[in-house]
Amino acid sequence: MELLTIFDERHREIGVKERQAVHRDGDWHETFHCWFVEHDGTDLYIYLQQRSFNKSEFPGKYDITAAGHLESGETPVVGGLREVQEELGVTLEESDLFYKGIIQEELFAKDLVDREFCHQFFYYLEELPDILLNEEVVQIVRMRVNDLEKLVEGKASTAEAEIVAGVPQQRIEITREALCPHQLDYYREVIMICRT
């Protein structure tokens, strides 16, 4: 059973609850989000994972490079390093991560009210580490940050991405509907952080 600490809307701790009940009841809880970002000397890129089609929440959608719920009593860094290892098979150190604060977000889907305090971390790549895909992640793609911005702002119907982990390694087109339905303000803040 996965237990999560729950909070009020001002991020004050109010108790502990089982994960399924947290999503059923719409309780605020904490998550870890880690975005892999790369500047190749010309362009700024952001890395997205494609979620497994077996996921109960947003199956098959393109989402944060690595992310997950913080278990009750777990710090953002400890929980975050665990999630990166579990999802990508990549071992990072605390010094590899740059903490950029919390984004408060609400996501709604069938039988799901997901209210999160999202701890934002960025990992700036010099070269892509070896990624070991598992049952949680279909593939990893990289996309120009400018193209992601056009996509989420509705200024383009598709954006080109390159599969960097997964088969076959090729260029694909991703639509806005293929992205995890984060709030527009969430994407705007992530893009702004990428550029700073």
N, C-alpha and C. Protein backbone atom coordinates (compact mmCIF):
# COMPACT_ATOMS: atom_id res chain seq x y z
N MET A 1 0.85 -1.19 0.00
CA MET A 1 0.00 0.00 0.00
C MET A 1 0.89 1.25 0.00
N GLU A 2 0.62 2.15 -0.94
CA GLU A 2 1.42 3.38 -1.04
C GLU A 2 0.73 4.49 -0.26
N LEU A 3 1.40 4.99 0.76
CA LEU A 3 0.83 6.04 1.60
C LEU A 3 1.44 7.38 1.23
N LEU A 4 0.58 8.40 1.09
CA LEU A 4 1.01 9.75 0.75
C LEU A 4 0.64 10.70 1.87
N THR A 5 1.51 11.68 2.12
CA THR A 5 1.16 12.76 3.03
C THR A 5 0.22 13.70 2.30
N ILE A 6 -0.84 14.12 2.97
CA ILE A 6 -1.79 15.05 2.34
C ILE A 6 -1.70 16.42 3.03
N PHE A 7 -2.09 17.45 2.27
CA PHE A 7 -1.93 18.84 2.68
C PHE A 7 -3.20 19.62 2.39
N ASP A 8 -3.30 20.80 3.04
CA ASP A 8 -4.35 21.72 2.60
C ASP A 8 -3.82 22.52 1.42
N GLU A 9 -4.67 23.42 0.89
CA GLU A 9 -4.28 24.14 -0.33
C GLU A 9 -3.14 25.13 -0.10
N ARG A 10 -2.79 25.38 1.16
CA ARG A 10 -1.65 26.26 1.47
C ARG A 10 -0.39 25.47 1.80
N HIS A 11 -0.43 24.18 1.52
CA HIS A 11 0.73 23.29 1.70
C HIS A 11 1.03 23.05 3.18
N ARG A 12 0.00 23.01 4.00
CA ARG A 12 0.15 22.66 5.40
C ARG A 12 -0.27 21.20 5.58
N GLU A 13 0.61 20.42 6.19
CA GLU A 13 0.37 18.98 6.33
C GLU A 13 -0.85 18.71 7.20
N ILE A 14 -1.71 17.80 6.73
CA ILE A 14 -2.93 17.51 7.50
C ILE A 14 -3.13 16.02 7.77
N GLY A 15 -2.28 15.15 7.19
CA GLY A 15 -2.46 13.73 7.48
C GLY A 15 -1.77 12.84 6.46
N VAL A 16 -2.12 11.54 6.52
CA VAL A 16 -1.57 10.53 5.62
C VAL A 16 -2.73 9.70 5.10
N LYS A 17 -2.66 9.35 3.81
CA LYS A 17 -3.76 8.59 3.21
C LYS A 17 -3.22 7.70 2.10
N GLU A 18 -3.94 6.63 1.81
CA GLU A 18 -3.56 5.71 0.73
C GLU A 18 -3.74 6.42 -0.61
N ARG A 19 -2.82 6.14 -1.55
CA ARG A 19 -2.76 6.87 -2.82
C ARG A 19 -4.08 6.88 -3.58
N GLN A 20 -4.72 5.74 -3.69
CA GLN A 20 -5.97 5.66 -4.46
C GLN A 20 -7.04 6.57 -3.83
N ALA A 21 -7.08 6.59 -2.51
CA ALA A 21 -8.06 7.44 -1.82
C ALA A 21 -7.72 8.93 -2.01
N VAL A 22 -6.43 9.25 -2.08
CA VAL A 22 -6.00 10.64 -2.30
C VAL A 22 -6.54 11.13 -3.63
N HIS A 23 -6.40 10.31 -4.68
CA HIS A 23 -6.89 10.71 -6.00
C HIS A 23 -8.42 10.70 -6.07
N ARG A 24 -9.03 9.79 -5.36
CA ARG A 24 -10.49 9.74 -5.33
C ARG A 24 -11.06 10.99 -4.66
N ASP A 25 -10.42 11.39 -3.56
CA ASP A 25 -10.95 12.50 -2.76
C ASP A 25 -10.41 13.86 -3.16
N GLY A 26 -9.43 13.90 -4.05
CA GLY A 26 -8.88 15.17 -4.51
C GLY A 26 -8.03 15.88 -3.47
N ASP A 27 -7.31 15.10 -2.67
CA ASP A 27 -6.44 15.70 -1.65
C ASP A 27 -5.15 16.24 -2.29
N TRP A 28 -4.65 17.33 -1.74
CA TRP A 28 -3.36 17.86 -2.17
C TRP A 28 -2.25 16.96 -1.64
N HIS A 29 -1.25 16.68 -2.49
CA HIS A 29 -0.12 15.82 -2.11
C HIS A 29 1.10 16.27 -2.90
N GLU A 30 2.26 15.69 -2.58
CA GLU A 30 3.51 16.14 -3.20
C GLU A 30 4.00 15.15 -4.26
N THR A 31 4.57 15.71 -5.31
CA THR A 31 5.18 14.89 -6.37
C THR A 31 6.56 15.45 -6.70
N PHE A 32 7.32 14.61 -7.38
CA PHE A 32 8.66 14.97 -7.89
C PHE A 32 8.58 15.01 -9.40
N HIS A 33 9.03 16.10 -10.00
CA HIS A 33 9.10 16.22 -11.45
C HIS A 33 10.55 16.53 -11.82
N CYS A 34 11.12 15.73 -12.70
CA CYS A 34 12.49 15.98 -13.16
C CYS A 34 12.49 16.08 -14.68
N TRP A 35 12.88 17.24 -15.17
CA TRP A 35 12.99 17.48 -16.60
C TRP A 35 14.45 17.41 -17.02
N PHE A 36 14.74 16.57 -18.01
CA PHE A 36 16.07 16.55 -18.61
C PHE A 36 16.09 17.63 -19.69
N VAL A 37 17.10 18.48 -19.66
CA VAL A 37 17.23 19.60 -20.60
C VAL A 37 18.64 19.58 -21.18
N GLU A 38 18.74 19.95 -22.45
CA GLU A 38 20.04 19.93 -23.12
C GLU A 38 20.17 21.14 -24.05
N HIS A 39 21.34 21.76 -24.04
CA HIS A 39 21.66 22.79 -25.03
C HIS A 39 22.83 22.27 -25.85
N ASP A 40 22.59 22.08 -27.15
CA ASP A 40 23.64 21.48 -28.00
C ASP A 40 24.54 22.52 -28.65
N GLY A 41 24.47 23.76 -28.16
CA GLY A 41 25.25 24.84 -28.75
C GLY A 41 24.46 25.67 -29.74
N THR A 42 23.37 25.09 -30.22
CA THR A 42 22.50 25.80 -31.16
C THR A 42 21.08 25.90 -30.63
N ASP A 43 20.53 24.75 -30.22
CA ASP A 43 19.14 24.70 -29.77
C ASP A 43 19.04 24.19 -28.34
N LEU A 44 17.94 24.57 -27.70
CA LEU A 44 17.61 24.11 -26.35
C LEU A 44 16.56 23.01 -26.49
N TYR A 45 16.83 21.85 -25.90
CA TYR A 45 15.95 20.70 -26.00
C TYR A 45 15.42 20.30 -24.63
N ILE A 46 14.22 19.72 -24.65
CA ILE A 46 13.62 19.15 -23.44
C ILE A 46 13.26 17.71 -23.76
N TYR A 47 13.41 16.83 -22.76
CA TYR A 47 13.17 15.41 -22.95
C TYR A 47 11.83 15.02 -22.32
N LEU A 48 11.07 14.20 -23.04
CA LEU A 48 9.76 13.75 -22.59
C LEU A 48 9.72 12.22 -22.60
N GLN A 49 9.06 11.66 -21.61
CA GLN A 49 8.82 10.22 -21.64
C GLN A 49 7.42 9.97 -22.19
N GLN A 50 7.28 8.86 -22.91
CA GLN A 50 5.93 8.40 -23.26
C GLN A 50 5.52 7.38 -22.22
N ARG A 51 4.43 7.67 -21.53
CA ARG A 51 3.95 6.81 -20.46
C ARG A 51 3.46 5.47 -21.02
N SER A 52 3.60 4.43 -20.24
CA SER A 52 3.12 3.11 -20.63
C SER A 52 1.62 3.18 -20.96
N PHE A 53 1.21 2.36 -21.91
CA PHE A 53 -0.21 2.26 -22.25
C PHE A 53 -0.99 1.50 -21.18
N ASN A 54 -0.28 0.90 -20.23
CA ASN A 54 -0.93 0.19 -19.13
C ASN A 54 -1.16 1.06 -17.91
N LYS A 55 -0.68 2.31 -17.95
CA LYS A 55 -0.87 3.22 -16.81
C LYS A 55 -2.36 3.53 -16.63
N SER A 56 -2.77 3.63 -15.37
CA SER A 56 -4.17 3.97 -15.11
C SER A 56 -4.43 5.45 -15.37
N GLU A 57 -3.39 6.27 -15.23
CA GLU A 57 -3.53 7.71 -15.43
C GLU A 57 -2.77 8.13 -16.69
N PHE A 58 -3.48 8.71 -17.64
CA PHE A 58 -2.91 9.28 -18.87
C PHE A 58 -2.02 8.28 -19.63
N PRO A 59 -2.55 7.08 -19.93
CA PRO A 59 -1.75 6.08 -20.64
C PRO A 59 -1.32 6.56 -22.03
N GLY A 60 -0.06 6.30 -22.36
CA GLY A 60 0.46 6.62 -23.69
C GLY A 60 0.78 8.08 -23.94
N LYS A 61 0.52 8.94 -22.96
CA LYS A 61 0.76 10.38 -23.15
C LYS A 61 2.24 10.70 -22.95
N TYR A 62 2.68 11.76 -23.62
CA TYR A 62 4.05 12.26 -23.44
C TYR A 62 4.06 13.20 -22.24
N ASP A 63 5.05 13.03 -21.38
CA ASP A 63 5.02 13.69 -20.08
C ASP A 63 6.43 14.01 -19.61
N ILE A 64 6.54 14.42 -18.36
CA ILE A 64 7.80 14.78 -17.71
C ILE A 64 8.82 13.66 -17.88
N THR A 65 10.09 14.00 -18.02
CA THR A 65 11.12 12.98 -18.25
C THR A 65 11.04 11.88 -17.20
N ALA A 66 10.98 12.25 -15.93
CA ALA A 66 10.79 11.29 -14.85
C ALA A 66 10.00 11.99 -13.75
N ALA A 67 9.01 11.30 -13.21
CA ALA A 67 8.16 11.93 -12.20
C ALA A 67 7.49 10.85 -11.37
N GLY A 68 7.02 11.25 -10.20
CA GLY A 68 6.29 10.30 -9.38
C GLY A 68 5.85 10.92 -8.06
N HIS A 69 5.07 10.17 -7.34
CA HIS A 69 4.57 10.61 -6.04
C HIS A 69 5.64 10.45 -4.97
N LEU A 70 5.68 11.41 -4.05
CA LEU A 70 6.54 11.28 -2.88
C LEU A 70 5.78 10.51 -1.82
N GLU A 71 6.37 9.42 -1.37
CA GLU A 71 5.73 8.63 -0.33
C GLU A 71 5.81 9.38 1.00
N SER A 72 4.90 9.06 1.89
CA SER A 72 4.85 9.74 3.18
C SER A 72 6.20 9.64 3.89
N GLY A 73 6.75 10.79 4.31
CA GLY A 73 8.02 10.84 5.01
C GLY A 73 9.23 10.94 4.10
N GLU A 74 9.00 10.90 2.79
CA GLU A 74 10.10 10.92 1.83
C GLU A 74 10.40 12.36 1.41
N THR A 75 11.68 12.73 1.36
CA THR A 75 12.05 14.07 0.91
C THR A 75 11.99 14.13 -0.62
N PRO A 76 11.83 15.32 -1.19
CA PRO A 76 11.78 15.43 -2.65
C PRO A 76 13.02 14.85 -3.33
N VAL A 77 14.20 15.08 -2.78
CA VAL A 77 15.42 14.58 -3.42
C VAL A 77 15.48 13.06 -3.34
N VAL A 78 15.26 12.49 -2.17
CA VAL A 78 15.33 11.02 -2.02
C VAL A 78 14.28 10.36 -2.89
N GLY A 79 13.06 10.86 -2.83
CA GLY A 79 12.00 10.29 -3.66
C GLY A 79 12.27 10.49 -5.14
N GLY A 80 12.83 11.64 -5.48
CA GLY A 80 13.12 11.94 -6.87
C GLY A 80 14.19 11.06 -7.46
N LEU A 81 15.27 10.87 -6.73
CA LEU A 81 16.34 10.00 -7.22
C LEU A 81 15.82 8.57 -7.39
N ARG A 82 14.93 8.16 -6.48
CA ARG A 82 14.31 6.83 -6.59
C ARG A 82 13.48 6.73 -7.87
N GLU A 83 12.69 7.77 -8.17
CA GLU A 83 11.83 7.74 -9.36
C GLU A 83 12.65 7.71 -10.64
N VAL A 84 13.74 8.49 -10.71
CA VAL A 84 14.58 8.49 -11.91
C VAL A 84 15.17 7.10 -12.13
N GLN A 85 15.59 6.47 -11.05
CA GLN A 85 16.15 5.12 -11.15
C GLN A 85 15.08 4.12 -11.58
N GLU A 86 13.89 4.21 -10.98
CA GLU A 86 12.82 3.26 -11.29
C GLU A 86 12.33 3.40 -12.73
N GLU A 87 12.14 4.63 -13.18
CA GLU A 87 11.54 4.85 -14.49
C GLU A 87 12.52 4.78 -15.64
N LEU A 88 13.75 5.24 -15.42
CA LEU A 88 14.72 5.36 -16.51
C LEU A 88 15.94 4.47 -16.36
N GLY A 89 16.11 3.87 -15.18
CA GLY A 89 17.31 3.08 -14.94
C GLY A 89 18.57 3.93 -14.85
N VAL A 90 18.39 5.21 -14.56
CA VAL A 90 19.52 6.15 -14.50
C VAL A 90 19.79 6.50 -13.04
N THR A 91 21.04 6.36 -12.63
CA THR A 91 21.44 6.70 -11.26
C THR A 91 22.03 8.10 -11.26
N LEU A 92 21.35 9.02 -10.60
CA LEU A 92 21.84 10.39 -10.47
C LEU A 92 22.21 10.65 -9.02
N GLU A 93 23.02 11.67 -8.81
CA GLU A 93 23.35 12.13 -7.47
C GLU A 93 22.56 13.40 -7.17
N GLU A 94 22.43 13.73 -5.90
CA GLU A 94 21.73 14.95 -5.53
C GLU A 94 22.35 16.17 -6.21
N SER A 95 23.67 16.17 -6.37
CA SER A 95 24.36 17.31 -6.99
C SER A 95 24.06 17.45 -8.48
N ASP A 96 23.48 16.41 -9.10
CA ASP A 96 23.11 16.48 -10.51
C ASP A 96 21.82 17.27 -10.73
N LEU A 97 21.02 17.40 -9.68
CA LEU A 97 19.70 17.99 -9.81
C LEU A 97 19.70 19.45 -9.39
N PHE A 98 18.97 20.26 -10.14
CA PHE A 98 18.81 21.67 -9.81
C PHE A 98 17.35 21.90 -9.43
N TYR A 99 17.15 22.32 -8.17
CA TYR A 99 15.79 22.51 -7.66
C TYR A 99 15.28 23.88 -8.04
N LYS A 100 14.06 23.91 -8.60
CA LYS A 100 13.49 25.16 -9.10
C LYS A 100 12.16 25.52 -8.44
N GLY A 101 11.88 24.89 -7.30
CA GLY A 101 10.69 25.28 -6.55
C GLY A 101 9.49 24.40 -6.84
N ILE A 102 8.34 24.88 -6.40
CA ILE A 102 7.08 24.11 -6.47
C ILE A 102 6.12 24.79 -7.43
N ILE A 103 5.49 23.97 -8.27
CA ILE A 103 4.36 24.42 -9.08
C ILE A 103 3.13 23.70 -8.54
N GLN A 104 2.10 24.46 -8.21
CA GLN A 104 0.86 23.88 -7.70
C GLN A 104 -0.07 23.64 -8.89
N GLU A 105 -0.57 22.40 -9.03
CA GLU A 105 -1.34 22.07 -10.23
C GLU A 105 -2.49 21.12 -9.90
N GLU A 106 -3.56 21.26 -10.66
CA GLU A 106 -4.70 20.36 -10.57
C GLU A 106 -4.94 19.71 -11.93
N LEU A 107 -5.05 18.38 -11.93
CA LEU A 107 -5.38 17.63 -13.14
C LEU A 107 -6.65 16.83 -12.89
N PHE A 108 -7.49 16.76 -13.91
CA PHE A 108 -8.76 16.05 -13.77
C PHE A 108 -8.91 15.04 -14.90
N ALA A 109 -9.32 13.83 -14.56
CA ALA A 109 -9.61 12.80 -15.54
C ALA A 109 -10.71 11.92 -14.96
N LYS A 110 -11.11 10.90 -15.72
CA LYS A 110 -12.16 10.00 -15.24
C LYS A 110 -11.74 9.38 -13.91
N ASP A 111 -12.59 9.52 -12.90
CA ASP A 111 -12.34 8.96 -11.56
C ASP A 111 -11.03 9.45 -10.94
N LEU A 112 -10.58 10.65 -11.33
CA LEU A 112 -9.31 11.16 -10.82
C LEU A 112 -9.38 12.67 -10.60
N VAL A 113 -9.05 13.08 -9.39
CA VAL A 113 -8.83 14.50 -9.10
C VAL A 113 -7.43 14.57 -8.51
N ASP A 114 -6.49 15.06 -9.31
CA ASP A 114 -5.07 15.02 -8.95
C ASP A 114 -4.59 16.43 -8.60
N ARG A 115 -4.48 16.71 -7.31
CA ARG A 115 -4.04 18.03 -6.84
C ARG A 115 -2.63 17.88 -6.27
N GLU A 116 -1.68 18.51 -6.95
CA GLU A 116 -0.28 18.26 -6.63
C GLU A 116 0.49 19.54 -6.29
N PHE A 117 1.39 19.39 -5.32
CA PHE A 117 2.49 20.33 -5.13
C PHE A 117 3.69 19.67 -5.82
N CYS A 118 4.03 20.15 -7.01
CA CYS A 118 5.02 19.51 -7.86
C CYS A 118 6.39 20.12 -7.60
N HIS A 119 7.28 19.35 -6.99
CA HIS A 119 8.66 19.80 -6.77
C HIS A 119 9.41 19.68 -8.09
N GLN A 120 9.85 20.82 -8.62
CA GLN A 120 10.48 20.86 -9.94
C GLN A 120 11.99 20.76 -9.85
N PHE A 121 12.54 19.74 -10.52
CA PHE A 121 13.99 19.57 -10.62
C PHE A 121 14.38 19.52 -12.09
N PHE A 122 15.56 20.03 -12.38
CA PHE A 122 16.08 19.99 -13.75
C PHE A 122 17.45 19.33 -13.74
N TYR A 123 17.65 18.49 -14.74
CA TYR A 123 18.94 17.83 -14.94
C TYR A 123 19.47 18.29 -16.29
N TYR A 124 20.58 19.00 -16.28
CA TYR A 124 21.14 19.58 -17.51
C TYR A 124 22.15 18.60 -18.10
N LEU A 125 21.82 18.07 -19.26
CA LEU A 125 22.61 17.02 -19.89
C LEU A 125 23.84 17.58 -20.58
N GLU A 126 24.93 16.89 -20.41
CA GLU A 126 26.08 17.08 -21.30
C GLU A 126 26.05 15.99 -22.36
N GLU A 127 25.67 14.81 -21.95
CA GLU A 127 25.37 13.73 -22.90
C GLU A 127 24.28 12.87 -22.28
N LEU A 128 23.50 12.23 -23.13
CA LEU A 128 22.37 11.43 -22.64
C LEU A 128 22.89 10.18 -21.94
N PRO A 129 22.50 9.95 -20.69
CA PRO A 129 22.91 8.71 -20.01
C PRO A 129 22.22 7.51 -20.63
N ASP A 130 22.75 6.33 -20.37
CA ASP A 130 22.10 5.11 -20.84
C ASP A 130 20.77 4.95 -20.12
N ILE A 131 19.70 4.87 -20.91
CA ILE A 131 18.36 4.74 -20.35
C ILE A 131 17.88 3.32 -20.55
N LEU A 132 17.41 2.70 -19.47
CA LEU A 132 16.89 1.34 -19.52
C LEU A 132 15.38 1.40 -19.39
N LEU A 133 14.71 1.24 -20.52
CA LEU A 133 13.25 1.32 -20.51
C LEU A 133 12.67 0.10 -19.81
N ASN A 134 11.53 0.31 -19.16
CA ASN A 134 10.86 -0.80 -18.48
C ASN A 134 9.37 -0.71 -18.75
N GLU A 135 8.56 -1.41 -17.97
CA GLU A 135 7.12 -1.46 -18.23
C GLU A 135 6.42 -0.12 -17.98
N GLU A 136 7.10 0.84 -17.34
CA GLU A 136 6.46 2.13 -17.06
C GLU A 136 6.59 3.13 -18.20
N VAL A 137 7.63 2.97 -19.03
CA VAL A 137 7.96 3.99 -20.04
C VAL A 137 8.11 3.31 -21.40
N VAL A 138 7.41 3.85 -22.42
CA VAL A 138 7.48 3.30 -23.77
C VAL A 138 8.75 3.77 -24.47
N GLN A 139 9.01 5.07 -24.38
CA GLN A 139 10.17 5.66 -25.06
C GLN A 139 10.47 7.03 -24.46
N ILE A 140 11.66 7.53 -24.79
CA ILE A 140 12.05 8.89 -24.43
C ILE A 140 12.31 9.65 -25.73
N VAL A 141 11.74 10.85 -25.82
CA VAL A 141 11.96 11.68 -27.00
C VAL A 141 12.55 13.02 -26.56
N ARG A 142 13.24 13.67 -27.50
CA ARG A 142 13.67 15.03 -27.23
C ARG A 142 13.05 15.95 -28.26
N MET A 143 12.71 17.17 -27.78
CA MET A 143 12.01 18.14 -28.60
C MET A 143 12.60 19.52 -28.32
N ARG A 144 12.66 20.35 -29.32
CA ARG A 144 13.10 21.72 -29.08
C ARG A 144 12.11 22.41 -28.15
N VAL A 145 12.64 23.16 -27.19
CA VAL A 145 11.78 23.88 -26.25
C VAL A 145 10.88 24.86 -27.01
N ASN A 146 11.41 25.50 -28.04
CA ASN A 146 10.59 26.42 -28.84
C ASN A 146 9.42 25.70 -29.48
N ASP A 147 9.64 24.46 -29.93
CA ASP A 147 8.56 23.69 -30.55
C ASP A 147 7.52 23.26 -29.53
N LEU A 148 7.97 22.88 -28.34
CA LEU A 148 7.01 22.54 -27.27
C LEU A 148 6.15 23.75 -26.94
N GLU A 149 6.77 24.91 -26.88
CA GLU A 149 6.02 26.13 -26.57
C GLU A 149 4.95 26.40 -27.63
N LYS A 150 5.31 26.28 -28.90
CA LYS A 150 4.32 26.50 -29.98
C LYS A 150 3.17 25.50 -29.86
N LEU A 151 3.50 24.27 -29.50
CA LEU A 151 2.48 23.23 -29.39
C LEU A 151 1.50 23.53 -28.27
N VAL A 152 2.01 23.83 -27.08
CA VAL A 152 1.11 24.04 -25.93
C VAL A 152 0.35 25.36 -26.05
N GLU A 153 0.93 26.32 -26.75
CA GLU A 153 0.25 27.62 -26.93
C GLU A 153 -0.75 27.60 -28.09
N GLY A 154 -0.82 26.47 -28.81
CA GLY A 154 -1.75 26.37 -29.93
C GLY A 154 -1.28 27.06 -31.19
N LYS A 155 0.01 27.37 -31.28
CA LYS A 155 0.55 28.04 -32.47
C LYS A 155 1.05 27.04 -33.51
N ALA A 156 1.04 25.74 -33.16
CA ALA A 156 1.38 24.68 -34.10
C ALA A 156 0.53 23.47 -33.75
N SER A 157 0.15 22.70 -34.76
CA SER A 157 -0.69 21.53 -34.52
C SER A 157 0.14 20.30 -34.16
N THR A 158 1.41 20.29 -34.60
CA THR A 158 2.32 19.20 -34.26
C THR A 158 3.71 19.77 -34.00
N ALA A 159 4.52 18.96 -33.36
CA ALA A 159 5.93 19.33 -33.13
C ALA A 159 6.78 18.10 -33.41
N GLU A 160 7.93 18.33 -34.01
CA GLU A 160 8.83 17.22 -34.31
C GLU A 160 9.60 16.84 -33.05
N ALA A 161 9.74 15.54 -32.85
CA ALA A 161 10.53 15.02 -31.74
C ALA A 161 11.39 13.88 -32.26
N GLU A 162 12.46 13.61 -31.56
CA GLU A 162 13.38 12.55 -31.93
C GLU A 162 13.37 11.49 -30.83
N ILE A 163 13.11 10.24 -31.20
CA ILE A 163 13.16 9.15 -30.22
C ILE A 163 14.63 8.88 -29.90
N VAL A 164 14.99 9.04 -28.63
CA VAL A 164 16.39 8.83 -28.23
C VAL A 164 16.56 7.58 -27.38
N ALA A 165 15.47 7.05 -26.86
CA ALA A 165 15.49 5.77 -26.15
C ALA A 165 14.19 5.07 -26.50
N GLY A 166 14.31 3.92 -27.13
CA GLY A 166 13.15 3.21 -27.64
C GLY A 166 13.40 2.84 -29.09
N VAL A 167 12.52 2.03 -29.63
CA VAL A 167 12.71 1.53 -31.00
C VAL A 167 11.47 1.87 -31.82
N PRO A 168 11.63 2.28 -33.07
CA PRO A 168 12.93 2.61 -33.70
C PRO A 168 13.35 4.03 -33.35
N GLN A 169 14.64 4.31 -33.38
CA GLN A 169 15.12 5.66 -33.13
C GLN A 169 14.94 6.46 -34.42
N GLN A 170 13.95 7.34 -34.41
CA GLN A 170 13.58 8.10 -35.59
C GLN A 170 12.90 9.39 -35.16
N ARG A 171 12.60 10.22 -36.14
CA ARG A 171 11.86 11.46 -35.87
C ARG A 171 10.37 11.20 -36.03
N ILE A 172 9.59 11.78 -35.11
CA ILE A 172 8.14 11.59 -35.14
C ILE A 172 7.47 12.95 -34.94
N GLU A 173 6.18 13.01 -35.22
CA GLU A 173 5.38 14.21 -34.97
C GLU A 173 4.48 13.95 -33.77
N ILE A 174 4.45 14.90 -32.85
CA ILE A 174 3.62 14.79 -31.65
C ILE A 174 2.58 15.91 -31.66
N THR A 175 1.34 15.57 -31.38
CA THR A 175 0.26 16.56 -31.32
C THR A 175 0.07 17.05 -29.90
N ARG A 176 -0.67 18.13 -29.74
CA ARG A 176 -1.00 18.66 -28.42
C ARG A 176 -1.78 17.62 -27.61
N GLU A 177 -2.67 16.90 -28.30
CA GLU A 177 -3.49 15.89 -27.62
C GLU A 177 -2.66 14.72 -27.11
N ALA A 178 -1.48 14.52 -27.69
CA ALA A 178 -0.63 13.42 -27.25
C ALA A 178 0.15 13.76 -25.97
N LEU A 179 0.16 15.04 -25.60
CA LEU A 179 0.84 15.44 -24.37
C LEU A 179 -0.05 15.19 -23.16
N CYS A 180 0.58 14.92 -22.03
CA CYS A 180 -0.17 14.84 -20.78
C CYS A 180 -0.86 16.19 -20.55
N PRO A 181 -2.13 16.18 -20.15
CA PRO A 181 -2.90 17.44 -20.11
C PRO A 181 -2.60 18.33 -18.90
N HIS A 182 -1.32 18.69 -18.74
CA HIS A 182 -0.99 19.66 -17.70
C HIS A 182 -1.63 21.01 -18.04
N GLN A 183 -1.86 21.81 -17.02
CA GLN A 183 -2.41 23.15 -17.24
C GLN A 183 -1.41 23.97 -18.05
N LEU A 184 -1.95 24.88 -18.85
CA LEU A 184 -1.09 25.73 -19.69
C LEU A 184 -0.08 26.49 -18.83
N ASP A 185 -0.51 26.98 -17.68
CA ASP A 185 0.42 27.72 -16.81
C ASP A 185 1.56 26.84 -16.33
N TYR A 186 1.29 25.55 -16.16
CA TYR A 186 2.36 24.62 -15.77
C TYR A 186 3.41 24.57 -16.87
N TYR A 187 2.96 24.32 -18.10
CA TYR A 187 3.91 24.25 -19.21
C TYR A 187 4.66 25.57 -19.38
N ARG A 188 3.97 26.69 -19.24
CA ARG A 188 4.63 27.99 -19.40
C ARG A 188 5.74 28.17 -18.38
N GLU A 189 5.48 27.74 -17.15
CA GLU A 189 6.50 27.91 -16.10
C GLU A 189 7.70 27.00 -16.36
N VAL A 190 7.45 25.76 -16.78
CA VAL A 190 8.54 24.84 -17.09
C VAL A 190 9.40 25.40 -18.23
N ILE A 191 8.77 25.91 -19.26
CA ILE A 191 9.49 26.47 -20.40
C ILE A 191 10.30 27.69 -19.98
N MET A 192 9.73 28.52 -19.13
CA MET A 192 10.45 29.68 -18.64
C MET A 192 11.70 29.25 -17.84
N ILE A 193 11.56 28.22 -17.00
CA ILE A 193 12.68 27.73 -16.22
C ILE A 193 13.76 27.17 -17.15
N CYS A 194 13.36 26.46 -18.19
CA CYS A 194 14.33 25.91 -19.14
C CYS A 194 15.24 27.00 -19.70
N ARG A 195 14.67 28.15 -19.91
CA ARG A 195 15.39 29.21 -20.60
C ARG A 195 16.24 30.07 -19.66
N THR A 196 16.12 29.86 -18.36
CA THR A 196 16.88 30.68 -17.42
C THR A 196 18.19 30.01 -17.03
